[in-house]
């Protein structure tokens, strides 16, 4: 397991160096005040002003800093030293108060104490985790009584599909978790449009049932689960971007596959 996570950490160090200059992350736009947050999390998480927020798997912290711009008291966590180094530099450069911690999230209690009003994570994070039950217990550990966990993430259903040469989709991957991860040989980065370096990483797929049950088993109460027929980027070459910025399958099949889900859970308390 350590070898898998070490390979993933190396890959994300490489990706940080690529992503900081990519149009996808648009760091210059963020410096100028452009908001990185999307309509789903903004509408569902709502006003965060004055609330403490822990961002798990924060990459180099743009969304963490975006929540801070909206008034949250933030801390971000990622296992990539390159990512956390850049996050800290941006926090200082832009004079946005934030704390950042470089660690495997499972080891976070060794270096971070306290509890938060909100634990947040988003977009492409779960398949990097080998153990969802331990993840859910970590979330419960860091939530104050009455605090909420919020996630907006790739839907596990669409991840079973691969694009065929004829432009159709075929289910070729398992929907369910396997302890042995899948080895992925990357020829490009999702944020650099084929311009990135090659690399290897390891992923674990998690079903919706596993996601829900891990949180419930950790003592959290599910408040809502929403599913969306669009994605934050083109998951298949024939997807089309709408005026709202979201990517969908071409009509008339644009609602055939869920690409994202959002979930909010509550830690019971006063």
Protein backbone atom coordinates (compact mmCIF):
# COMPACT_ATOMS: atom_id res chain seq x y z
CA UNK A 1 0.00 0.00 0.00
CA UNK A 2 2.83 2.40 0.81
CA UNK A 3 4.28 1.83 -2.66
CA UNK A 4 0.94 2.68 -4.29
CA UNK A 5 0.55 5.88 -2.27
CA UNK A 6 4.18 6.84 -2.85
CA UNK A 7 3.64 6.53 -6.61
CA UNK A 8 0.48 8.64 -6.35
CA UNK A 9 2.30 11.29 -4.34
CA UNK A 10 5.04 11.45 -6.95
CA UNK A 11 2.45 11.83 -9.70
CA UNK A 12 0.69 14.68 -7.90
CA UNK A 13 4.00 16.45 -7.30
CA UNK A 14 4.51 16.32 -11.08
CA UNK A 15 0.95 17.45 -11.77
CA UNK A 16 1.26 20.43 -9.44
CA UNK A 17 4.17 21.76 -11.48
CA UNK A 18 2.06 21.39 -14.64
CA UNK A 19 -1.26 22.56 -13.25
CA UNK A 20 0.00 25.84 -11.81
CA UNK A 21 0.56 27.12 -15.37
CA UNK A 22 -2.53 25.54 -16.97
CA UNK A 23 -5.55 27.39 -18.33
CA UNK A 24 -7.75 24.88 -16.51
CA UNK A 25 -6.68 26.25 -13.12
CA UNK A 26 -6.15 29.80 -14.46
CA UNK A 27 -3.93 30.93 -11.63
CA UNK A 28 -3.58 34.43 -13.10
CA UNK A 29 -7.35 34.74 -13.12
CA UNK A 30 -7.52 33.62 -9.51
CA UNK A 31 -4.89 36.19 -8.57
CA UNK A 32 -7.09 38.82 -10.21
CA UNK A 33 -10.11 37.74 -8.16
CA UNK A 34 -11.80 35.11 -10.34
CA UNK A 35 -13.77 32.60 -8.28
CA UNK A 36 -12.73 28.93 -8.57
CA UNK A 37 -15.87 27.57 -6.94
CA UNK A 38 -18.71 26.20 -9.03
CA UNK A 39 -22.46 26.67 -8.89
CA UNK A 40 -23.22 23.32 -7.22
CA UNK A 41 -21.13 23.80 -4.09
CA UNK A 42 -21.88 27.51 -3.88
CA UNK A 43 -25.64 26.95 -3.88
CA UNK A 44 -25.64 23.88 -1.65
CA UNK A 45 -23.00 24.77 0.95
CA UNK A 46 -24.17 28.36 1.16
CA UNK A 47 -22.76 31.08 3.41
CA UNK A 48 -19.52 30.01 5.07
CA UNK A 49 -18.62 33.37 6.57
CA UNK A 50 -17.06 32.98 10.03
CA UNK A 51 -17.17 29.18 9.87
CA UNK A 52 -14.16 26.91 10.24
CA UNK A 53 -13.60 24.71 7.19
CA UNK A 54 -11.25 21.76 6.70
CA UNK A 55 -10.55 20.96 3.05
CA UNK A 56 -9.33 17.40 2.48
CA UNK A 57 -7.21 16.59 -0.61
CA UNK A 58 -6.97 20.26 -1.50
CA UNK A 59 -4.30 19.99 -4.27
CA UNK A 60 -2.55 23.38 -4.28
CA UNK A 61 -5.31 25.11 -2.41
CA UNK A 62 -7.22 27.28 -4.88
CA UNK A 63 -10.64 26.13 -3.66
CA UNK A 64 -9.44 26.37 -0.07
CA UNK A 65 -8.41 29.97 -0.64
CA UNK A 66 -11.65 30.64 -2.54
CA UNK A 67 -13.65 29.61 0.55
CA UNK A 68 -11.41 31.88 2.63
CA UNK A 69 -12.24 34.76 0.30
CA UNK A 70 -15.87 34.08 1.15
CA UNK A 71 -15.15 34.46 4.85
CA UNK A 72 -14.36 30.92 6.01
CA UNK A 73 -11.51 30.18 8.42
CA UNK A 74 -9.74 27.50 6.41
CA UNK A 75 -7.26 24.67 6.63
CA UNK A 76 -6.23 22.56 3.65
CA UNK A 77 -4.63 19.11 3.54
CA UNK A 78 -2.81 17.30 0.75
CA UNK A 79 -0.10 14.64 0.54
CA UNK A 80 1.90 16.38 -2.19
CA UNK A 81 4.79 18.52 -0.87
CA UNK A 82 4.85 20.48 -4.13
CA UNK A 83 1.12 21.22 -3.85
CA UNK A 84 1.27 22.36 -0.23
CA UNK A 85 4.38 24.47 -0.88
CA UNK A 86 2.52 26.27 -3.67
CA UNK A 87 -0.64 26.63 -1.53
CA UNK A 88 1.33 28.29 1.26
CA UNK A 89 3.06 30.59 -1.21
CA UNK A 90 -0.28 31.66 -2.72
CA UNK A 91 -1.78 32.27 0.71
CA UNK A 92 1.10 34.59 1.54
CA UNK A 93 1.25 36.27 -1.88
CA UNK A 94 -2.48 37.02 -1.98
CA UNK A 95 -2.73 37.81 1.74
CA UNK A 96 -5.48 35.22 2.23
CA UNK A 97 -5.23 33.64 5.71
CA UNK A 98 -5.10 29.83 5.53
CA UNK A 99 -3.33 26.91 7.17
CA UNK A 100 -1.99 24.09 5.01
CA UNK A 101 -0.76 20.65 6.08
CA UNK A 102 1.24 18.17 4.04
CA UNK A 103 0.30 14.62 4.99
CA UNK A 104 -1.54 11.52 3.94
CA UNK A 105 -5.01 12.36 5.26
CA UNK A 106 -5.14 9.14 7.27
CA UNK A 107 -2.20 10.46 9.32
CA UNK A 108 -3.72 13.92 9.79
CA UNK A 109 -4.65 13.42 13.49
CA UNK A 110 -0.92 13.11 14.23
CA UNK A 111 -0.37 16.75 13.29
CA UNK A 112 -3.74 18.54 13.45
CA UNK A 113 -6.01 18.84 16.48
CA UNK A 114 -9.36 20.55 16.91
CA UNK A 115 -12.72 20.33 15.17
CA UNK A 116 -14.41 22.23 12.37
CA UNK A 117 -17.86 23.48 11.40
CA UNK A 118 -17.41 22.09 7.87
CA UNK A 119 -15.33 19.34 6.31
CA UNK A 120 -15.21 19.77 2.53
CA UNK A 121 -13.80 17.82 -0.41
CA UNK A 122 -14.48 17.87 -4.15
CA UNK A 123 -13.98 16.75 -7.75
CA UNK A 124 -11.82 13.69 -8.28
CA UNK A 125 -10.74 12.76 -4.79
CA UNK A 126 -12.33 9.45 -3.75
CA UNK A 127 -10.54 7.17 -6.19
CA UNK A 128 -7.25 8.12 -4.54
CA UNK A 129 -8.39 6.58 -1.24
CA UNK A 130 -7.86 2.89 -0.47
CA UNK A 131 -10.01 2.86 2.71
CA UNK A 132 -13.32 4.74 2.76
CA UNK A 133 -14.31 3.62 6.24
CA UNK A 134 -11.17 5.14 7.72
CA UNK A 135 -11.82 8.25 5.62
CA UNK A 136 -15.35 8.59 6.99
CA UNK A 137 -14.13 8.13 10.57
CA UNK A 138 -11.57 10.88 9.98
CA UNK A 139 -14.34 13.20 8.80
CA UNK A 140 -16.44 12.45 11.89
CA UNK A 141 -13.38 12.99 14.09
CA UNK A 142 -12.85 16.51 12.74
CA UNK A 143 -16.47 17.66 12.74
CA UNK A 144 -17.89 19.59 15.65
CA UNK A 145 -21.21 18.29 16.96
CA UNK A 146 -23.73 19.85 14.61
CA UNK A 147 -21.07 20.27 11.92
CA UNK A 148 -21.52 19.20 8.31
CA UNK A 149 -19.55 17.22 5.78
CA UNK A 150 -20.01 18.24 2.15
CA UNK A 151 -18.70 16.60 -1.01
CA UNK A 152 -19.27 17.18 -4.72
CA UNK A 153 -17.56 14.46 -6.70
CA UNK A 154 -17.40 12.35 -9.85
CA UNK A 155 -20.28 9.89 -9.87
CA UNK A 156 -19.08 6.27 -9.55
CA UNK A 157 -21.47 5.10 -12.29
CA UNK A 158 -19.89 6.95 -15.19
CA UNK A 159 -16.45 5.69 -14.19
CA UNK A 160 -17.48 2.21 -15.35
CA UNK A 161 -17.69 3.44 -18.96
CA UNK A 162 -15.07 3.82 -21.65
CA UNK A 163 -15.46 5.53 -24.99
CA UNK A 164 -15.53 3.28 -28.06
CA UNK A 165 -14.04 4.32 -31.42
CA UNK A 166 -17.55 4.74 -32.83
CA UNK A 167 -18.37 7.42 -30.26
CA UNK A 168 -20.54 5.29 -27.99
CA UNK A 169 -19.99 4.21 -24.39
CA UNK A 170 -19.34 0.70 -23.15
CA UNK A 171 -19.29 -0.48 -19.52
CA UNK A 172 -15.90 -2.15 -19.14
CA UNK A 173 -14.82 -1.46 -15.55
CA UNK A 174 -16.16 -2.81 -12.30
CA UNK A 175 -18.48 -0.59 -10.33
CA UNK A 176 -17.37 -2.09 -7.02
CA UNK A 177 -14.34 -1.68 -4.78
CA UNK A 178 -11.38 -4.02 -5.03
CA UNK A 179 -8.50 -3.98 -2.55
CA UNK A 180 -5.98 -4.27 -5.36
CA UNK A 181 -5.94 -0.91 -7.16
CA UNK A 182 -6.01 -0.29 -10.87
CA UNK A 183 -2.71 0.81 -12.38
CA UNK A 184 -3.23 3.80 -14.66
CA UNK A 185 -0.60 4.88 -17.16
CA UNK A 186 -1.23 8.52 -17.90
CA UNK A 187 -0.14 10.00 -21.22
CA UNK A 188 -1.41 13.48 -20.32
CA UNK A 189 -3.04 15.46 -17.54
CA UNK A 190 -6.73 16.34 -17.35
CA UNK A 191 -5.73 20.00 -16.92
CA UNK A 192 -3.09 20.32 -19.61
CA UNK A 193 -4.93 18.98 -22.67
CA UNK A 194 -2.32 16.48 -23.75
CA UNK A 195 0.65 18.70 -22.96
CA UNK A 196 1.59 17.07 -19.66
CA UNK A 197 4.20 14.48 -18.82
CA UNK A 198 3.55 10.77 -18.73
CA UNK A 199 3.09 9.09 -15.37
CA UNK A 200 1.69 6.20 -13.36
CA UNK A 201 -0.81 6.23 -10.53
CA UNK A 202 -3.11 3.80 -8.73
CA UNK A 203 -6.83 4.20 -8.13
CA UNK A 204 -9.60 2.50 -6.18
CA UNK A 205 -13.22 2.64 -7.33
CA UNK A 206 -15.96 3.06 -4.73
CA UNK A 207 -19.67 2.45 -5.25
CA UNK A 208 -22.35 4.86 -4.07
CA UNK A 209 -23.43 2.33 -1.48
CA UNK A 210 -19.91 2.12 -0.08
CA UNK A 211 -19.69 5.93 0.11
CA UNK A 212 -23.02 6.27 1.92
CA UNK A 213 -22.52 3.35 4.27
CA UNK A 214 -19.03 4.43 5.31
CA UNK A 215 -20.39 7.81 6.43
CA UNK A 216 -23.39 6.27 8.18
CA UNK A 217 -21.16 3.75 9.96
CA UNK A 218 -19.02 6.65 11.19
CA UNK A 219 -22.07 8.12 12.91
CA UNK A 220 -23.01 10.79 10.37
CA UNK A 221 -26.56 11.46 9.20
CA UNK A 222 -27.10 11.85 5.45
CA UNK A 223 -29.02 15.06 4.79
CA UNK A 224 -29.15 14.90 1.00
CA UNK A 225 -27.74 13.13 -2.04
CA UNK A 226 -28.05 14.82 -5.43
CA UNK A 227 -27.01 13.49 -8.85
CA UNK A 228 -26.23 15.52 -11.96
CA UNK A 229 -26.13 14.60 -15.69
CA UNK A 230 -23.15 16.87 -16.39
CA UNK A 231 -19.45 17.16 -15.54
CA UNK A 232 -16.93 19.87 -14.69
CA UNK A 233 -14.81 18.88 -17.68
CA UNK A 234 -15.22 16.69 -20.77
CA UNK A 235 -15.03 13.10 -19.55
CA UNK A 236 -15.50 11.79 -23.11
CA UNK A 237 -14.40 13.43 -26.35
CA UNK A 238 -17.93 13.93 -27.70
CA UNK A 239 -19.29 15.79 -24.67
CA UNK A 240 -20.46 19.36 -25.27
CA UNK A 241 -20.00 22.39 -23.03
CA UNK A 242 -23.09 24.46 -22.30
CA UNK A 243 -23.36 28.19 -21.69
CA UNK A 244 -23.37 27.41 -17.97
CA UNK A 245 -19.89 25.89 -18.25
CA UNK A 246 -20.94 22.29 -17.55
CA UNK A 247 -20.18 19.45 -19.96
CA UNK A 248 -22.96 17.10 -21.13
CA UNK A 249 -23.54 14.21 -23.48
CA UNK A 250 -24.96 15.30 -26.84
CA UNK A 251 -28.74 15.52 -27.08
CA UNK A 252 -30.92 13.42 -27.00
CA UNK A 253 -28.83 11.31 -24.60
CA UNK A 254 -27.58 14.16 -22.42
CA UNK A 255 -29.33 12.82 -19.30
CA UNK A 256 -28.44 9.17 -19.81
CA UNK A 257 -25.48 9.04 -17.39
CA UNK A 258 -24.88 10.73 -14.02
CA UNK A 259 -21.48 12.45 -14.01
CA UNK A 260 -21.48 14.16 -10.62
CA UNK A 261 -23.06 13.73 -7.23
CA UNK A 262 -23.19 15.92 -4.15
CA UNK A 263 -23.81 14.80 -0.61
CA UNK A 264 -24.19 16.51 2.74
CA UNK A 265 -23.98 14.72 6.08
CA UNK A 266 -24.48 15.98 9.62
CA UNK A 267 -22.64 15.05 12.78
CA UNK A 268 -25.41 14.82 15.40
CA UNK A 269 -25.14 17.21 18.31
CA UNK A 270 -26.62 20.33 19.84
